[in-house]
Amino acid sequence: MQQSRGGEASDSPHFETLLDLGPEITPRAAVGDKGYDAKANRQAARSRGICPAIPYRTTTKDKPKFFPKALYRGRARIEQTMGKLKRFKRVALRCEKTDVNYGSFVTLALSFILIKSVHTT
């Protein structure tokens, strides 16, 4: 049996830690893919007052009828934006040595993406 490498490891066991990261704001929703489908993850989100927008796996029993599809559609937009951002070589390869320079190139790339999306015919 092969051991998984770092890039292939799942974030699902660390879901509670991910909910607690970030600035002093309380998110209203946690959007994830089917890899986060676990009762413990959903309960952790609900105990913090966060709506879990995580689709159920096909093998999950007792699926509820309601699923927040409108929230989950936002995940696709985020994934598409990250894909566009990674087309910029300096961003994808992380060529910059300092966080400030890297952040500046990410900002520049996102501004190009925004300008292109606004000025398409």
N, C-alpha and C. Protein backbone atom coordinates (compact mmCIF):
# COMPACT_ATOMS: atom_id res chain seq x y z
N MET A 1 0.84 -1.18 0.00
CA MET A 1 0.00 0.00 0.00
C MET A 1 0.89 1.25 0.00
N GLN A 2 0.57 2.18 -0.88
CA GLN A 2 1.35 3.40 -0.99
C GLN A 2 0.85 4.43 0.00
N GLN A 3 1.77 5.20 0.54
CA GLN A 3 1.38 6.31 1.39
C GLN A 3 1.11 7.52 0.52
N SER A 4 0.14 8.31 0.92
CA SER A 4 -0.16 9.50 0.13
C SER A 4 0.87 10.58 0.42
N ARG A 5 1.20 11.31 -0.62
CA ARG A 5 2.13 12.43 -0.48
C ARG A 5 1.38 13.64 0.07
N GLY A 6 2.11 14.65 0.44
CA GLY A 6 1.52 15.83 1.06
C GLY A 6 0.45 16.49 0.22
N GLY A 7 0.64 16.57 -1.08
CA GLY A 7 -0.33 17.23 -1.95
C GLY A 7 -1.60 16.44 -2.16
N GLU A 8 -1.57 15.16 -1.85
CA GLU A 8 -2.73 14.30 -2.04
C GLU A 8 -3.52 14.09 -0.76
N ALA A 9 -3.03 14.58 0.36
CA ALA A 9 -3.70 14.38 1.64
C ALA A 9 -4.97 15.23 1.70
N SER A 10 -5.97 14.71 2.37
CA SER A 10 -7.24 15.40 2.48
C SER A 10 -7.22 16.41 3.62
N ASP A 11 -7.97 17.50 3.44
CA ASP A 11 -8.11 18.50 4.49
C ASP A 11 -9.26 18.17 5.43
N SER A 12 -10.06 17.17 5.10
CA SER A 12 -11.26 16.86 5.85
C SER A 12 -11.02 16.65 7.35
N PRO A 13 -9.97 15.95 7.78
CA PRO A 13 -9.77 15.81 9.23
C PRO A 13 -9.46 17.14 9.93
N HIS A 14 -9.07 18.14 9.20
CA HIS A 14 -8.72 19.44 9.76
C HIS A 14 -9.80 20.49 9.53
N PHE A 15 -11.01 20.05 9.25
CA PHE A 15 -12.10 20.96 8.92
C PHE A 15 -12.37 21.95 10.05
N GLU A 16 -12.37 21.48 11.30
CA GLU A 16 -12.63 22.38 12.42
C GLU A 16 -11.55 23.46 12.54
N THR A 17 -10.31 23.08 12.27
CA THR A 17 -9.22 24.06 12.29
C THR A 17 -9.41 25.10 11.19
N LEU A 18 -9.85 24.64 10.01
CA LEU A 18 -10.08 25.57 8.90
C LEU A 18 -11.20 26.56 9.22
N LEU A 19 -12.21 26.10 9.98
CA LEU A 19 -13.30 27.00 10.36
C LEU A 19 -12.84 28.09 11.31
N ASP A 20 -11.82 27.80 12.11
CA ASP A 20 -11.35 28.76 13.10
C ASP A 20 -10.26 29.69 12.59
N LEU A 21 -9.73 29.45 11.37
CA LEU A 21 -8.69 30.31 10.82
C LEU A 21 -9.28 31.59 10.28
N GLY A 22 -8.45 32.60 10.16
CA GLY A 22 -8.88 33.81 9.49
C GLY A 22 -9.08 34.96 10.44
N PRO A 23 -9.59 36.05 9.89
CA PRO A 23 -9.78 37.27 10.69
C PRO A 23 -10.92 37.10 11.69
N GLU A 24 -11.14 38.13 12.44
CA GLU A 24 -12.16 38.12 13.49
C GLU A 24 -13.56 38.33 12.90
N ILE A 25 -13.94 37.48 11.98
CA ILE A 25 -15.28 37.52 11.42
C ILE A 25 -15.90 36.13 11.54
N THR A 26 -17.19 36.08 11.53
CA THR A 26 -17.88 34.80 11.59
C THR A 26 -18.49 34.53 10.23
N PRO A 27 -18.04 33.49 9.54
CA PRO A 27 -18.63 33.18 8.23
C PRO A 27 -20.06 32.67 8.40
N ARG A 28 -20.87 32.89 7.39
CA ARG A 28 -22.25 32.41 7.43
C ARG A 28 -22.38 31.04 6.79
N ALA A 29 -21.41 30.68 5.91
CA ALA A 29 -21.49 29.39 5.23
C ALA A 29 -20.09 28.82 5.03
N ALA A 30 -20.02 27.51 5.03
CA ALA A 30 -18.78 26.79 4.71
C ALA A 30 -19.06 25.96 3.48
N VAL A 31 -18.42 26.30 2.37
CA VAL A 31 -18.66 25.62 1.10
C VAL A 31 -17.50 24.69 0.83
N GLY A 32 -17.80 23.42 0.61
CA GLY A 32 -16.75 22.44 0.34
C GLY A 32 -17.24 21.40 -0.64
N ASP A 33 -16.33 20.55 -1.09
CA ASP A 33 -16.71 19.49 -2.01
C ASP A 33 -17.09 18.23 -1.23
N LYS A 34 -17.35 17.15 -1.95
CA LYS A 34 -17.81 15.92 -1.32
C LYS A 34 -16.77 15.30 -0.38
N GLY A 35 -15.52 15.71 -0.50
CA GLY A 35 -14.49 15.22 0.39
C GLY A 35 -14.71 15.62 1.84
N TYR A 36 -15.50 16.65 2.07
CA TYR A 36 -15.80 17.12 3.42
C TYR A 36 -17.09 16.54 3.97
N ASP A 37 -17.71 15.61 3.24
CA ASP A 37 -18.97 15.02 3.67
C ASP A 37 -18.73 14.08 4.85
N ALA A 38 -18.97 14.59 6.04
CA ALA A 38 -18.89 13.80 7.27
C ALA A 38 -19.80 14.44 8.30
N LYS A 39 -20.44 13.62 9.11
CA LYS A 39 -21.33 14.16 10.14
C LYS A 39 -20.59 15.08 11.08
N ALA A 40 -19.35 14.73 11.43
CA ALA A 40 -18.57 15.55 12.36
C ALA A 40 -18.30 16.93 11.77
N ASN A 41 -18.01 16.99 10.47
CA ASN A 41 -17.75 18.29 9.82
C ASN A 41 -19.01 19.16 9.79
N ARG A 42 -20.13 18.55 9.46
CA ARG A 42 -21.38 19.31 9.43
C ARG A 42 -21.76 19.80 10.84
N GLN A 43 -21.57 18.94 11.82
CA GLN A 43 -21.89 19.32 13.21
C GLN A 43 -20.97 20.43 13.69
N ALA A 44 -19.68 20.37 13.33
CA ALA A 44 -18.73 21.41 13.73
C ALA A 44 -19.13 22.76 13.15
N ALA A 45 -19.59 22.77 11.91
CA ALA A 45 -20.03 24.03 11.29
C ALA A 45 -21.30 24.54 11.96
N ARG A 46 -22.26 23.65 12.16
CA ARG A 46 -23.53 24.09 12.76
C ARG A 46 -23.35 24.58 14.19
N SER A 47 -22.43 23.98 14.94
CA SER A 47 -22.21 24.42 16.32
C SER A 47 -21.63 25.83 16.38
N ARG A 48 -21.01 26.28 15.29
CA ARG A 48 -20.49 27.64 15.21
C ARG A 48 -21.46 28.60 14.54
N GLY A 49 -22.65 28.11 14.20
CA GLY A 49 -23.65 28.94 13.54
C GLY A 49 -23.38 29.13 12.06
N ILE A 50 -22.67 28.17 11.44
CA ILE A 50 -22.30 28.25 10.04
C ILE A 50 -23.11 27.21 9.26
N CYS A 51 -23.66 27.62 8.13
CA CYS A 51 -24.41 26.70 7.28
C CYS A 51 -23.43 25.88 6.43
N PRO A 52 -23.41 24.56 6.58
CA PRO A 52 -22.50 23.76 5.75
C PRO A 52 -23.12 23.50 4.37
N ALA A 53 -22.49 24.02 3.32
CA ALA A 53 -22.94 23.79 1.94
C ALA A 53 -21.99 22.76 1.33
N ILE A 54 -22.15 21.52 1.79
CA ILE A 54 -21.30 20.42 1.37
C ILE A 54 -22.20 19.36 0.76
N PRO A 55 -22.00 19.00 -0.50
CA PRO A 55 -22.86 17.99 -1.11
C PRO A 55 -22.63 16.62 -0.47
N TYR A 56 -23.66 15.81 -0.47
CA TYR A 56 -23.57 14.48 0.10
C TYR A 56 -23.01 13.51 -0.94
N ARG A 57 -22.23 12.55 -0.49
CA ARG A 57 -21.74 11.50 -1.39
C ARG A 57 -22.91 10.63 -1.80
N THR A 58 -22.75 9.93 -2.90
CA THR A 58 -23.83 9.05 -3.37
C THR A 58 -24.05 7.89 -2.42
N THR A 59 -23.04 7.53 -1.64
CA THR A 59 -23.17 6.40 -0.72
C THR A 59 -23.72 6.81 0.65
N THR A 60 -23.95 8.10 0.87
CA THR A 60 -24.45 8.57 2.16
C THR A 60 -25.90 8.18 2.34
N LYS A 61 -26.20 7.62 3.51
CA LYS A 61 -27.58 7.25 3.83
C LYS A 61 -28.25 8.40 4.56
N ASP A 62 -29.55 8.45 4.49
CA ASP A 62 -30.36 9.48 5.16
C ASP A 62 -29.99 10.89 4.73
N LYS A 63 -29.96 11.11 3.42
CA LYS A 63 -29.69 12.46 2.89
C LYS A 63 -30.93 13.32 3.10
N PRO A 64 -30.76 14.55 3.58
CA PRO A 64 -31.93 15.44 3.68
C PRO A 64 -32.35 15.90 2.28
N LYS A 65 -33.58 16.33 2.17
CA LYS A 65 -34.09 16.77 0.87
C LYS A 65 -33.56 18.14 0.48
N PHE A 66 -33.26 18.98 1.47
CA PHE A 66 -32.81 20.34 1.17
C PHE A 66 -31.30 20.39 1.06
N PHE A 67 -30.83 21.09 0.03
CA PHE A 67 -29.40 21.37 -0.13
C PHE A 67 -29.27 22.80 -0.66
N PRO A 68 -28.41 23.63 -0.05
CA PRO A 68 -28.30 25.04 -0.49
C PRO A 68 -27.54 25.17 -1.81
N LYS A 69 -28.25 24.92 -2.91
CA LYS A 69 -27.62 24.94 -4.24
C LYS A 69 -27.08 26.33 -4.61
N ALA A 70 -27.79 27.37 -4.21
CA ALA A 70 -27.34 28.72 -4.55
C ALA A 70 -25.98 29.03 -3.92
N LEU A 71 -25.79 28.59 -2.68
CA LEU A 71 -24.49 28.79 -2.03
C LEU A 71 -23.41 27.96 -2.73
N TYR A 72 -23.75 26.74 -3.10
CA TYR A 72 -22.75 25.86 -3.68
C TYR A 72 -22.30 26.32 -5.07
N ARG A 73 -23.17 27.02 -5.79
CA ARG A 73 -22.79 27.55 -7.11
C ARG A 73 -21.64 28.54 -7.01
N GLY A 74 -21.55 29.23 -5.89
CA GLY A 74 -20.45 30.17 -5.68
C GLY A 74 -19.10 29.49 -5.67
N ARG A 75 -19.07 28.22 -5.25
CA ARG A 75 -17.81 27.47 -5.23
C ARG A 75 -17.25 27.32 -6.63
N ALA A 76 -18.10 27.11 -7.61
CA ALA A 76 -17.64 26.98 -8.99
C ALA A 76 -16.96 28.26 -9.47
N ARG A 77 -17.52 29.41 -9.10
CA ARG A 77 -16.91 30.70 -9.48
C ARG A 77 -15.52 30.85 -8.86
N ILE A 78 -15.39 30.43 -7.62
CA ILE A 78 -14.10 30.52 -6.95
C ILE A 78 -13.09 29.60 -7.64
N GLU A 79 -13.49 28.37 -7.95
CA GLU A 79 -12.60 27.42 -8.62
C GLU A 79 -12.17 27.95 -9.99
N GLN A 80 -13.12 28.56 -10.73
CA GLN A 80 -12.79 29.10 -12.05
C GLN A 80 -11.82 30.28 -11.93
N THR A 81 -12.01 31.12 -10.94
CA THR A 81 -11.10 32.25 -10.75
C THR A 81 -9.71 31.77 -10.39
N MET A 82 -9.61 30.76 -9.54
CA MET A 82 -8.30 30.21 -9.18
C MET A 82 -7.62 29.59 -10.40
N GLY A 83 -8.39 28.95 -11.26
CA GLY A 83 -7.83 28.39 -12.49
C GLY A 83 -7.29 29.47 -13.40
N LYS A 84 -8.03 30.57 -13.53
CA LYS A 84 -7.55 31.69 -14.34
C LYS A 84 -6.31 32.32 -13.73
N LEU A 85 -6.28 32.41 -12.42
CA LEU A 85 -5.14 33.01 -11.73
C LEU A 85 -3.88 32.17 -11.93
N LYS A 86 -4.02 30.86 -11.96
CA LYS A 86 -2.86 29.98 -12.12
C LYS A 86 -2.32 29.97 -13.54
N ARG A 87 -3.02 30.61 -14.48
CA ARG A 87 -2.49 30.73 -15.84
C ARG A 87 -1.34 31.72 -15.91
N PHE A 88 -1.24 32.58 -14.90
CA PHE A 88 -0.13 33.52 -14.84
C PHE A 88 1.08 32.79 -14.25
N LYS A 89 2.12 32.68 -15.04
CA LYS A 89 3.27 31.85 -14.69
C LYS A 89 3.92 32.26 -13.37
N ARG A 90 4.08 33.55 -13.16
CA ARG A 90 4.75 34.01 -11.93
C ARG A 90 3.92 33.70 -10.70
N VAL A 91 2.62 33.65 -10.85
CA VAL A 91 1.76 33.30 -9.72
C VAL A 91 1.77 31.80 -9.50
N ALA A 92 1.63 31.03 -10.57
CA ALA A 92 1.57 29.57 -10.44
C ALA A 92 2.86 28.98 -9.90
N LEU A 93 3.99 29.52 -10.33
CA LEU A 93 5.28 28.98 -9.91
C LEU A 93 5.82 29.63 -8.64
N ARG A 94 5.13 30.64 -8.16
CA ARG A 94 5.55 31.36 -6.94
C ARG A 94 7.01 31.82 -7.04
N CYS A 95 7.29 32.52 -8.12
CA CYS A 95 8.66 32.98 -8.40
C CYS A 95 9.14 34.05 -7.44
N GLU A 96 8.25 34.80 -6.87
CA GLU A 96 8.65 35.92 -6.02
C GLU A 96 9.17 35.42 -4.67
N LYS A 97 10.16 36.11 -4.14
CA LYS A 97 10.80 35.67 -2.90
C LYS A 97 10.12 36.19 -1.65
N THR A 98 9.47 37.33 -1.74
CA THR A 98 8.83 37.88 -0.54
C THR A 98 7.31 37.81 -0.68
N ASP A 99 6.63 37.77 0.45
CA ASP A 99 5.17 37.73 0.46
C ASP A 99 4.57 38.99 -0.15
N VAL A 100 5.22 40.11 0.08
CA VAL A 100 4.71 41.38 -0.45
C VAL A 100 4.75 41.37 -1.98
N ASN A 101 5.87 40.93 -2.56
CA ASN A 101 5.97 40.89 -4.02
C ASN A 101 5.00 39.87 -4.61
N TYR A 102 4.87 38.72 -3.97
CA TYR A 102 3.93 37.70 -4.47
C TYR A 102 2.49 38.23 -4.42
N GLY A 103 2.14 38.86 -3.30
CA GLY A 103 0.80 39.45 -3.18
C GLY A 103 0.55 40.52 -4.22
N SER A 104 1.58 41.27 -4.56
CA SER A 104 1.44 42.31 -5.59
C SER A 104 1.16 41.69 -6.95
N PHE A 105 1.85 40.60 -7.28
CA PHE A 105 1.60 39.95 -8.56
C PHE A 105 0.24 39.27 -8.60
N VAL A 106 -0.21 38.72 -7.48
CA VAL A 106 -1.56 38.14 -7.44
C VAL A 106 -2.59 39.24 -7.66
N THR A 107 -2.39 40.39 -7.03
CA THR A 107 -3.30 41.52 -7.22
C THR A 107 -3.31 41.99 -8.67
N LEU A 108 -2.14 42.10 -9.28
CA LEU A 108 -2.04 42.52 -10.67
C LEU A 108 -2.75 41.52 -11.59
N ALA A 109 -2.53 40.22 -11.35
CA ALA A 109 -3.16 39.20 -12.17
C ALA A 109 -4.68 39.23 -12.01
N LEU A 110 -5.16 39.39 -10.78
CA LEU A 110 -6.60 39.47 -10.56
C LEU A 110 -7.20 40.71 -11.21
N SER A 111 -6.45 41.81 -11.24
CA SER A 111 -6.97 43.00 -11.91
C SER A 111 -7.07 42.78 -13.42
N PHE A 112 -6.09 42.07 -14.01
CA PHE A 112 -6.19 41.73 -15.43
C PHE A 112 -7.41 40.84 -15.70
N ILE A 113 -7.65 39.88 -14.82
CA ILE A 113 -8.81 38.99 -14.98
C ILE A 113 -10.10 39.78 -14.90
N LEU A 114 -10.17 40.71 -13.94
CA LEU A 114 -11.37 41.52 -13.78
C LEU A 114 -11.60 42.42 -14.99
N ILE A 115 -10.56 43.07 -15.45
CA ILE A 115 -10.68 43.96 -16.60
C ILE A 115 -11.13 43.18 -17.84
N LYS A 116 -10.57 42.01 -18.04
CA LYS A 116 -10.94 41.19 -19.20
C LYS A 116 -12.40 40.75 -19.10
N SER A 117 -12.88 40.43 -17.90
CA SER A 117 -14.27 39.97 -17.76
C SER A 117 -15.25 41.11 -17.97
N VAL A 118 -14.84 42.31 -17.66
CA VAL A 118 -15.73 43.46 -17.83
C VAL A 118 -15.78 43.93 -19.28
N HIS A 119 -14.65 43.85 -19.98
CA HIS A 119 -14.55 44.40 -21.32
C HIS A 119 -14.63 43.35 -22.42
N THR A 120 -15.39 42.29 -22.20
CA THR A 120 -15.60 41.31 -23.26
C THR A 120 -16.87 41.67 -24.03
N THR A 121 -16.87 41.37 -25.30
CA THR A 121 -18.05 41.69 -26.10
C THR A 121 -18.76 40.45 -26.55
